[in-house]
C-alpha atoms as a PDB file:
ATOM      1  CA  MET A   1      13.217  11.003  -4.409  1.00  0.00           C
ATOM      2  CA  THR A   2      10.205  11.088  -6.728  1.00  0.00           C
ATOM      3  CA  LEU A   3       6.717  10.142  -5.640  1.00  0.00           C
ATOM      4  CA  SER A   4       3.806   9.698  -8.032  1.00  0.00           C
ATOM      5  CA  PHE A   5       0.320   8.319  -7.506  1.00  0.00           C
ATOM      6  CA  ALA A   6      -1.023   8.713 -11.023  1.00  0.00           C
ATOM      7  CA  PRO A   7      -2.628   5.598 -12.515  1.00  0.00           C
ATOM      8  CA  VAL A   8      -0.118   3.630 -14.594  1.00  0.00           C
ATOM      9  CA  ALA A   9      -2.342   0.838 -15.919  1.00  0.00           C
ATOM     10  CA  ASP A  10      -4.038   0.392 -19.257  1.00  0.00           C
ATOM     11  CA  PRO A  11      -7.346   2.264 -18.824  1.00  0.00           C
ATOM     12  CA  SER A  12      -9.028   0.000 -21.358  1.00  0.00           C
ATOM     13  CA  ALA A  13      -8.400  -3.151 -19.284  1.00  0.00           C
ATOM     14  CA  PRO A  14     -11.706  -4.747 -18.170  1.00  0.00           C
ATOM     15  CA  LEU A  15     -11.084  -4.541 -14.413  1.00  0.00           C
ATOM     16  CA  ALA A  16      -9.306  -1.182 -14.577  1.00  0.00           C
ATOM     17  CA  ARG A  17     -12.589   0.346 -15.779  1.00  0.00           C
ATOM     18  CA  ARG A  18     -14.536  -0.773 -12.727  1.00  0.00           C
ATOM     19  CA  ASN A  19     -15.842   1.655 -10.117  1.00  0.00           C
ATOM     20  CA  PRO A  20     -13.088   2.767  -7.680  1.00  0.00           C
ATOM     21  CA  VAL A  21     -15.191   1.838  -4.649  1.00  0.00           C
ATOM     22  CA  ALA A  22     -15.772  -1.631  -6.121  1.00  0.00           C
ATOM     23  CA  LYS A  23     -12.037  -2.102  -6.648  1.00  0.00           C
ATOM     24  CA  VAL A  24     -11.200  -1.002  -3.111  1.00  0.00           C
ATOM     25  CA  GLY A  25     -13.930  -3.218  -1.692  1.00  0.00           C
ATOM     26  CA  ALA A  26     -12.770  -6.180  -3.778  1.00  0.00           C
ATOM     27  CA  ALA A  27      -9.198  -5.725  -2.531  1.00  0.00           C
ATOM     28  CA  LEU A  28     -10.411  -5.683   1.085  1.00  0.00           C
ATOM     29  CA  LEU A  29     -12.727  -8.665   0.671  1.00  0.00           C
ATOM     30  CA  PHE A  30      -9.970 -10.697  -0.974  1.00  0.00           C
ATOM     31  CA  SER A  31      -7.106  -9.844   1.377  1.00  0.00           C
ATOM     32  CA  MET A  32      -8.781  -9.670   4.784  1.00  0.00           C
ATOM     33  CA  PRO A  33      -9.583 -13.434   5.095  1.00  0.00           C
ATOM     34  CA  LEU A  34      -5.897 -14.179   4.471  1.00  0.00           C
ATOM     35  CA  ILE A  35      -5.033 -12.646   7.845  1.00  0.00           C
ATOM     36  CA  ALA A  36      -6.879 -15.466   9.629  1.00  0.00           C
ATOM     37  CA  THR A  37      -4.144 -18.040   9.023  1.00  0.00           C
ATOM     38  CA  MET A  38      -0.410 -18.320   9.587  1.00  0.00           C
ATOM     39  CA  ASP A  39       0.357 -21.080   7.078  1.00  0.00           C
ATOM     40  CA  PRO A  40       2.373 -20.334   3.900  1.00  0.00           C
ATOM     41  CA  PHE A  41      -0.003 -22.258   1.612  1.00  0.00           C
ATOM     42  CA  THR A  42      -2.900 -19.785   1.777  1.00  0.00           C
ATOM     43  CA  PRO A  43      -0.966 -16.591   0.908  1.00  0.00           C
ATOM     44  CA  ALA A  44       1.019 -18.453  -1.759  1.00  0.00           C
ATOM     45  CA  VAL A  45      -2.186 -19.487  -3.545  1.00  0.00           C
ATOM     46  CA  ALA A  46      -3.576 -15.956  -3.098  1.00  0.00           C
ATOM     47  CA  LEU A  47      -0.429 -14.510  -4.681  1.00  0.00           C
ATOM     48  CA  ALA A  48      -0.791 -16.877  -7.622  1.00  0.00           C
ATOM     49  CA  VAL A  49      -4.407 -15.766  -8.120  1.00  0.00           C
ATOM     50  CA  GLU A  50      -3.393 -12.087  -7.917  1.00  0.00           C
ATOM     51  CA  LEU A  51      -0.723 -12.554 -10.571  1.00  0.00           C
ATOM     52  CA  LEU A  52      -3.176 -14.415 -12.810  1.00  0.00           C
ATOM     53  CA  VAL A  53      -5.714 -11.566 -12.745  1.00  0.00           C
ATOM     54  CA  LEU A  54      -3.047  -8.868 -13.130  1.00  0.00           C
ATOM     55  CA  PRO A  55      -3.425  -8.629 -16.948  1.00  0.00           C
ATOM     56  CA  PHE A  56      -7.160  -7.947 -16.506  1.00  0.00           C
ATOM     57  CA  PHE A  57      -6.209  -4.808 -14.532  1.00  0.00           C
ATOM     58  CA  GLY A  58      -3.791  -3.701 -17.244  1.00  0.00           C
ATOM     59  CA  VAL A  59      -0.824  -3.543 -14.852  1.00  0.00           C
ATOM     60  CA  ARG A  60       2.565  -4.702 -16.121  1.00  0.00           C
ATOM     61  CA  ILE A  61       4.838  -6.838 -13.987  1.00  0.00           C
ATOM     62  CA  GLY A  62       7.602  -4.225 -14.115  1.00  0.00           C
ATOM     63  CA  VAL A  63       5.303  -1.514 -12.763  1.00  0.00           C
ATOM     64  CA  LEU A  64       4.096  -3.821 -10.010  1.00  0.00           C
ATOM     65  CA  ALA A  65       7.687  -4.689  -9.073  1.00  0.00           C
ATOM     66  CA  ARG A  66       8.686  -1.022  -8.807  1.00  0.00           C
ATOM     67  CA  ARG A  67       5.694  -0.150  -6.650  1.00  0.00           C
ATOM     68  CA  SER A  68       6.330  -3.175  -4.432  1.00  0.00           C
ATOM     69  CA  THR A  69       9.845  -2.061  -3.461  1.00  0.00           C
ATOM     70  CA  PRO A  70       8.760  -1.028   0.080  1.00  0.00           C
ATOM     71  CA  LEU A  71       7.406  -4.548   0.567  1.00  0.00           C
ATOM     72  CA  LEU A  72      10.873  -5.936  -0.155  1.00  0.00           C
ATOM     73  CA  LEU A  73      12.290  -3.758   2.628  1.00  0.00           C
ATOM     74  CA  ALA A  74       9.550  -4.984   4.962  1.00  0.00           C
ATOM     75  CA  ALA A  75      10.306  -8.584   3.985  1.00  0.00           C
ATOM     76  CA  ALA A  76      13.994  -8.094   4.747  1.00  0.00           C
ATOM     77  CA  GLY A  77      13.112  -6.614   8.131  1.00  0.00           C
ATOM     78  CA  ILE A  78      10.848  -9.552   8.972  1.00  0.00           C
ATOM     79  CA  LEU A  79      13.532 -12.052   7.989  1.00  0.00           C
ATOM     80  CA  VAL A  80      16.187 -10.359  10.120  1.00  0.00           C
ATOM     81  CA  THR A  81      13.799 -10.020  13.073  1.00  0.00           C
ATOM     82  CA  MET A  82      12.759 -13.667  12.939  1.00  0.00           C
ATOM     83  CA  VAL A  83      16.357 -14.860  12.647  1.00  0.00           C
ATOM     84  CA  LEU A  84      17.401 -12.796  15.666  1.00  0.00           C
ATOM     85  CA  PHE A  85      14.396 -13.061  17.971  1.00  0.00           C
ATOM     86  CA  ALA A  86      12.264 -16.083  16.995  1.00  0.00           C
ATOM     87  CA  ALA A  87      11.224 -18.060  20.065  1.00  0.00           C
ATOM     88  CA  ASP A  88      10.473 -21.314  18.220  1.00  0.00           C
ATOM     89  CA  ARG A  89      13.647 -22.661  16.609  1.00  0.00           C
ATOM     90  CA  GLY A  90      12.420 -26.127  15.754  1.00  0.00           C
ATOM     91  CA  GLY A  91      13.354 -28.030  12.646  1.00  0.00           C
ATOM     92  CA  GLU A  92      16.738 -28.809  11.192  1.00  0.00           C
ATOM     93  CA  LEU A  93      19.705 -26.526  11.683  1.00  0.00           C
ATOM     94  CA  VAL A  94      20.554 -24.557   8.528  1.00  0.00           C
ATOM     95  CA  VAL A  95      23.365 -22.333   9.753  1.00  0.00           C
ATOM     96  CA  SER A  96      24.745 -21.261  13.107  1.00  0.00           C
ATOM     97  CA  LEU A  97      25.643 -17.582  13.530  1.00  0.00           C
ATOM     98  CA  GLY A  98      27.397 -17.650  16.867  1.00  0.00           C
ATOM     99  CA  PRO A  99      24.690 -17.843  19.540  1.00  0.00           C
ATOM    100  CA  ILE A 100      21.949 -17.655  16.888  1.00  0.00           C
ATOM    101  CA  ASP A 101      20.712 -20.879  15.282  1.00  0.00           C
ATOM    102  CA  VAL A 102      18.912 -20.440  11.979  1.00  0.00           C
ATOM    103  CA  THR A 103      16.626 -23.441  11.528  1.00  0.00           C
ATOM    104  CA  THR A 104      14.125 -24.546   8.941  1.00  0.00           C
ATOM    105  CA  GLY A 105      11.319 -23.676  11.379  1.00  0.00           C
ATOM    106  CA  VAL A 106      12.517 -20.077  11.651  1.00  0.00           C
ATOM    107  CA  LEU A 107      12.801 -19.738   7.876  1.00  0.00           C
ATOM    108  CA  ALA A 108       9.354 -21.305   7.364  1.00  0.00           C
ATOM    109  CA  THR A 109       7.745 -18.890   9.829  1.00  0.00           C
ATOM    110  CA  ALA A 110       9.497 -15.908   8.278  1.00  0.00           C
ATOM    111  CA  GLY A 111       8.516 -17.073   4.787  1.00  0.00           C
ATOM    112  CA  ALA A 112       4.869 -17.419   5.789  1.00  0.00           C
ATOM    113  CA  LEU A 113       4.817 -13.887   7.227  1.00  0.00           C
ATOM    114  CA  ILE A 114       6.487 -12.448   4.126  1.00  0.00           C
ATOM    115  CA  LEU A 115       4.000 -14.208   1.853  1.00  0.00           C
ATOM    116  CA  ARG A 116       1.107 -12.839   3.919  1.00  0.00           C
ATOM    117  CA  ILE A 117       2.443  -9.288   3.607  1.00  0.00           C
ATOM    118  CA  PHE A 118       2.698  -9.568  -0.160  1.00  0.00           C
ATOM    119  CA  ALA A 119      -0.680 -11.289  -0.517  1.00  0.00           C
ATOM    120  CA  VAL A 120      -2.438  -8.633   1.582  1.00  0.00           C
ATOM    121  CA  ALA A 121      -0.646  -5.585   0.144  1.00  0.00           C
ATOM    122  CA  LEU A 122      -0.554  -6.378  -3.580  1.00  0.00           C
ATOM    123  CA  PRO A 123      -4.324  -5.918  -4.150  1.00  0.00           C
ATOM    124  CA  GLY A 124      -4.065  -2.408  -2.728  1.00  0.00           C
ATOM    125  CA  ILE A 125      -1.076  -1.625  -4.937  1.00  0.00           C
ATOM    126  CA  VAL A 126      -2.980  -2.820  -7.996  1.00  0.00           C
ATOM    127  CA  VAL A 127      -6.050  -0.776  -7.069  1.00  0.00           C
ATOM    128  CA  PHE A 128      -4.109   2.475  -6.714  1.00  0.00           C
ATOM    129  CA  ALA A 129      -2.141   1.723  -9.892  1.00  0.00           C
ATOM    130  CA  THR A 130      -5.421   1.600 -11.817  1.00  0.00           C
ATOM    131  CA  THR A 131      -7.394   4.377 -10.104  1.00  0.00           C
ATOM    132  CA  ASP A 132      -7.206   8.133 -10.421  1.00  0.00           C
ATOM    133  CA  PRO A 133      -7.284   9.708  -6.933  1.00  0.00           C
ATOM    134  CA  THR A 134      -9.954  12.204  -7.998  1.00  0.00           C
ATOM    135  CA  ASP A 135     -12.183   9.387  -9.267  1.00  0.00           C
ATOM    136  CA  LEU A 136     -11.678   7.542  -5.983  1.00  0.00           C
ATOM    137  CA  ALA A 137     -12.691  10.581  -3.921  1.00  0.00           C
ATOM    138  CA  ASP A 138     -15.756  11.165  -6.118  1.00  0.00           C
ATOM    139  CA  ALA A 139     -16.765   7.505  -5.857  1.00  0.00           C
ATOM    140  CA  LEU A 140     -16.365   7.510  -2.078  1.00  0.00           C
ATOM    141  CA  VAL A 141     -18.725  10.481  -1.804  1.00  0.00           C
ATOM    142  CA  GLN A 142     -21.245   9.351  -4.434  1.00  0.00           C
ATOM    143  CA  ASN A 143     -21.312   5.567  -3.983  1.00  0.00           C
ATOM    144  CA  ALA A 144     -19.964   4.880  -0.474  1.00  0.00           C
ATOM    145  CA  LYS A 145     -21.676   7.981   1.006  1.00  0.00           C
ATOM    146  CA  ALA A 146     -18.452   9.074   2.698  1.00  0.00           C
ATOM    147  CA  PRO A 147     -18.463  12.624   4.111  1.00  0.00           C
ATOM    148  CA  ALA A 148     -17.412  15.045   1.380  1.00  0.00           C
ATOM    149  CA  ARG A 149     -15.228  16.964   3.830  1.00  0.00           C
ATOM    150  CA  PHE A 150     -13.219  13.828   4.610  1.00  0.00           C
ATOM    151  CA  ALA A 151     -12.971  12.594   1.011  1.00  0.00           C
ATOM    152  CA  ILE A 152     -11.980  15.923  -0.527  1.00  0.00           C
ATOM    153  CA  GLY A 153      -9.573  16.707   2.308  1.00  0.00           C
ATOM    154  CA  ALA A 154      -7.921  13.309   1.897  1.00  0.00           C
ATOM    155  CA  LEU A 155      -7.687  13.881  -1.861  1.00  0.00           C
ATOM    156  CA  ALA A 156      -6.011  17.247  -1.326  1.00  0.00           C
ATOM    157  CA  ALA A 157      -3.487  15.716   1.061  1.00  0.00           C
ATOM    158  CA  PHE A 158      -2.927  12.817  -1.341  1.00  0.00           C
ATOM    159  CA  ARG A 159      -2.200  15.243  -4.170  1.00  0.00           C
ATOM    160  CA  LEU A 160       0.414  17.029  -2.061  1.00  0.00           C
ATOM    161  CA  VAL A 161       2.437  13.907  -1.253  1.00  0.00           C
ATOM    162  CA  PRO A 162       4.444  13.957  -4.538  1.00  0.00           C
ATOM    163  CA  LEU A 163       5.555  17.510  -3.684  1.00  0.00           C
ATOM    164  CA  LEU A 164       7.493  16.169  -0.701  1.00  0.00           C
ATOM    165  CA  GLY A 165      10.092  14.670  -3.004  1.00  0.00           C
ATOM    166  CA  ASP A 166      10.600  17.967  -4.827  1.00  0.00           C
ATOM    167  CA  GLU A 167      10.823  19.902  -1.560  1.00  0.00           C
ATOM    168  CA  TRP A 168      13.358  17.436  -0.144  1.00  0.00           C
ATOM    169  CA  ARG A 169      15.523  17.887  -3.232  1.00  0.00           C
ATOM    170  CA  SER A 170      15.212  21.693  -3.025  1.00  0.00           C
ATOM    171  CA  LEU A 171      16.165  21.724   0.660  1.00  0.00           C
ATOM    172  CA  SER A 172      19.172  19.491   0.016  1.00  0.00           C
ATOM    173  CA  LEU A 173      20.400  21.642  -2.874  1.00  0.00           C
ATOM    174  CA  ALA A 174      19.871  24.860  -0.908  1.00  0.00           C
ATOM    175  CA  ARG A 175      21.900  23.548   2.035  1.00  0.00           C
ATOM    176  CA  ARG A 176      24.638  22.327  -0.267  1.00  0.00           C
ATOM    177  CA  ALA A 177      24.756  25.790  -1.907  1.00  0.00           C
ATOM    178  CA  ARG A 178      25.287  27.311   1.554  1.00  0.00           C
ATOM    179  CA  GLY A 179      28.146  24.914   2.219  1.00  0.00           C
ATOM    180  CA  VAL A 180      26.217  22.585   4.534  1.00  0.00           C
ATOM    181  CA  ASP A 181      27.491  19.150   3.549  1.00  0.00           C
ATOM    182  CA  ALA A 182      28.031  16.052   5.670  1.00  0.00           C
ATOM    183  CA  GLY A 183      30.846  14.710   3.532  1.00  0.00           C
ATOM    184  CA  HIS A 184      31.850  11.174   4.502  1.00  0.00           C
ATOM    185  CA  ASN A 185      31.094  11.581   8.227  1.00  0.00           C
ATOM    186  CA  PRO A 186      28.245   9.166   9.187  1.00  0.00           C
ATOM    187  CA  ALA A 187      27.297  11.171  12.294  1.00  0.00           C
ATOM    188  CA  ALA A 188      27.133  14.386  10.259  1.00  0.00           C
ATOM    189  CA  ARG A 189      24.983  12.615   7.669  1.00  0.00           C
ATOM    190  CA  VAL A 190      22.505  11.609  10.379  1.00  0.00           C
ATOM    191  CA  ARG A 191      22.367  15.154  11.777  1.00  0.00           C
ATOM    192  CA  LEU A 192      21.883  16.607   8.293  1.00  0.00           C
ATOM    193  CA  PHE A 193      19.123  14.092   7.539  1.00  0.00           C
ATOM    194  CA  VAL A 194      17.285  14.905  10.784  1.00  0.00           C
ATOM    195  CA  SER A 195      17.517  18.663  10.248  1.00  0.00           C
ATOM    196  CA  THR A 196      16.353  18.367   6.631  1.00  0.00           C
ATOM    197  CA  ALA A 197      13.451  16.127   7.667  1.00  0.00           C
ATOM    198  CA  PHE A 198      12.426  18.663  10.332  1.00  0.00           C
ATOM    199  CA  ALA A 199      12.513  21.491   7.793  1.00  0.00           C
ATOM    200  CA  LEU A 200      10.419  19.370   5.433  1.00  0.00           C
ATOM    201  CA  LEU A 201       7.891  18.708   8.223  1.00  0.00           C
ATOM    202  CA  VAL A 202       7.591  22.414   9.039  1.00  0.00           C
ATOM    203  CA  GLY A 203       7.102  23.255   5.372  1.00  0.00           C
ATOM    204  CA  ALA A 204       4.460  20.542   4.997  1.00  0.00           C
ATOM    205  CA  LEU A 205       2.521  21.844   8.007  1.00  0.00           C
ATOM    206  CA  ARG A 206       2.588  25.398   6.686  1.00  0.00           C
ATOM    207  CA  ARG A 207       1.453  24.242   3.251  1.00  0.00           C
ATOM    208  CA  GLY A 208      -1.351  22.211   4.844  1.00  0.00           C
ATOM    209  CA  VAL A 209      -2.586  25.213   6.824  1.00  0.00           C
ATOM    210  CA  ARG A 210      -2.587  27.424   3.718  1.00  0.00           C
ATOM    211  CA  LEU A 211      -4.456  24.751   1.771  1.00  0.00           C
ATOM    212  CA  ALA A 212      -7.071  24.351   4.525  1.00  0.00           C
ATOM    213  CA  VAL A 213      -7.700  28.096   4.660  1.00  0.00           C
ATOM    214  CA  ALA A 214      -7.956  28.270   0.858  1.00  0.00           C
ATOM    215  CA  MET A 215     -10.423  25.363   0.752  1.00  0.00           C
ATOM    216  CA  ASP A 216     -12.587  26.902   3.481  1.00  0.00           C
ATOM    217  CA  ALA A 217     -12.566  30.234   1.599  1.00  0.00           C
ATOM    218  CA  ARG A 218     -13.854  28.430  -1.502  1.00  0.00           C
ATOM    219  CA  GLY A 219     -16.736  26.815   0.372  1.00  0.00           C
ATOM    220  CA  PHE A 220     -15.448  23.256   0.648  1.00  0.00           C
ATOM    221  CA  ASP A 221     -16.792  23.105   4.207  1.00  0.00           C
ATOM    222  CA  ALA A 222     -20.239  24.410   3.276  1.00  0.00           C
ATOM    223  CA  GLU A 223     -23.240  22.215   4.077  1.00  0.00           C
ATOM    224  CA  THR A 224     -25.080  23.080   0.880  1.00  0.00           C
ATOM    225  CA  PRO A 225     -25.729  20.207  -1.568  1.00  0.00           C
ATOM    226  CA  ARG A 226     -22.731  19.533  -3.784  1.00  0.00           C
ATOM    227  CA  THR A 227     -22.638  18.858  -7.509  1.00  0.00           C
ATOM    228  CA  TYR A 228     -20.155  16.564  -9.229  1.00  0.00           C
ATOM    229  CA  ALA A 229     -18.176  17.155 -12.373  1.00  0.00           C
ATOM    230  CA  ARG A 230     -17.673  13.420 -12.952  1.00  0.00           C
ATOM    231  CA  ARG A 231     -20.420  10.970 -12.094  1.00  0.00           C
ATOM    232  CA  GLN A 232     -19.307   7.580 -10.770  1.00  0.00           C
ATOM    233  CA  HIS A 233     -21.763   4.799 -11.594  1.00  0.00           C
ATOM    234  CA  PHE A 234     -21.893   1.551  -9.613  1.00  0.00           C
ATOM    235  CA  THR A 235     -22.945  -1.102 -12.139  1.00  0.00           C
ATOM    236  CA  PRO A 236     -23.900  -4.789 -11.808  1.00  0.00           C
ATOM    237  CA  ALA A 237     -20.398  -5.660 -13.065  1.00  0.00           C
ATOM    238  CA  ASP A 238     -18.990  -3.926  -9.984  1.00  0.00           C
ATOM    239  CA  THR A 239     -21.204  -6.051  -7.757  1.00  0.00           C
ATOM    240  CA  VAL A 240     -19.989  -9.180  -9.550  1.00  0.00           C
ATOM    241  CA  LEU A 241     -16.385  -8.115  -8.890  1.00  0.00           C
ATOM    242  CA  LEU A 242     -17.086  -7.804  -5.158  1.00  0.00           C
ATOM    243  CA  VAL A 243     -18.844 -11.172  -4.973  1.00  0.00           C
ATOM    244  CA  LEU A 244     -16.146 -12.986  -6.941  1.00  0.00           C
ATOM    245  CA  SER A 245     -13.403 -11.490  -4.766  1.00  0.00           C
ATOM    246  CA  LEU A 246     -15.055 -12.709  -1.583  1.00  0.00           C
ATOM    247  CA  LEU A 247     -15.858 -16.156  -3.014  1.00  0.00           C
ATOM    248  CA  THR A 248     -12.275 -16.577  -4.260  1.00  0.00           C
ATOM    249  CA  ALA A 249     -10.858 -15.724  -0.854  1.00  0.00           C
ATOM    250  CA  LEU A 250     -13.237 -18.125   0.880  1.00  0.00           C
ATOM    251  CA  ALA A 251     -12.372 -20.841  -1.645  1.00  0.00           C
ATOM    252  CA  ILE A 252      -8.664 -20.415  -0.890  1.00  0.00           C
ATOM    253  CA  ILE A 253      -9.339 -20.673   2.847  1.00  0.00           C
ATOM    254  CA  ALA A 254     -11.528 -23.748   2.293  1.00  0.00           C
ATOM    255  CA  ALA A 255      -8.800 -25.414   0.214  1.00  0.00           C
ATOM    256  CA  SER A 256      -6.279 -24.686   2.941  1.00  0.00           C
ATOM    257  CA  VAL A 257      -8.560 -26.284   5.547  1.00  0.00           C
ATOM    258  CA  ALA A 258      -9.306 -29.298   3.348  1.00  0.00           C
ATOM    259  CA  LEU A 259      -5.632 -29.952   2.658  1.00  0.00           C
ATOM    260  CA  GLY A 260      -4.678 -29.584   6.326  1.00  0.00           C
ATOM    261  CA  HIS A 261      -2.534 -26.452   5.898  1.00  0.00           C
ATOM    262  CA  PHE A 262      -4.814 -24.053   7.760  1.00  0.00           C
ATOM    263  CA  HIS A 263      -3.149 -22.649  10.879  1.00  0.00           C
ATOM    264  CA  PRO A 264      -5.451 -20.123  12.565  1.00  0.00           C
ATOM    265  CA  VAL A 265      -3.938 -17.031  14.119  1.00  0.00           C
ATOM    266  CA  ILE A 266      -6.048 -17.435  17.252  1.00  0.00           C
END
């Protein structure tokens, strides 16, 4: 298990160079209006727009597909849940699984939810694929006026996440060296997984405490004015990115209303 949050996009891409706060804000402004509707048309158009602007962020399709793997698991879970527990089973019958009738209405509802998840989550994936975490923390403090204690603490925790994969591998190898192996027994595998996860949690808490003490000892909690090694400038181009993101989202919603696809959540 390997976790990495380093930027993987082309840094020379026009939108990859934008201010981190502007990119986060643009992702929020574009994705939040999509939550207002349940129809499949709106998120489908939003997904098409996101894929069209992907080259301007310098993110390759393969990288985006790898980082979207958790969304595929979420989509599978939604599909199974809707097939098993959907209350509205209108439409034509597609297949009958014993007492469970899978209809076109169930599949349409599940498809709309899956499209919404992808449309809302992909902008965030693209933002973090093009942004260095340190630059994001600096921009939050300098441009968004976020508390430095929160931003730097979040950055420290964010930097420690990739270590969890290495620690999990070390714990597994150490237990195997001591002869602790589940073999082919499913129950033993579950017990071994739970015990390893608990050991990982304890180690993460201890590491977090040591990091907090070290940061306090170095004055990260001091109230004196801070200086910045890397200045983050919010330019007019960043403002244009925010405005265009909001206008694009509103245009998609307006097209959905005009074409009669809009289905409000409330």
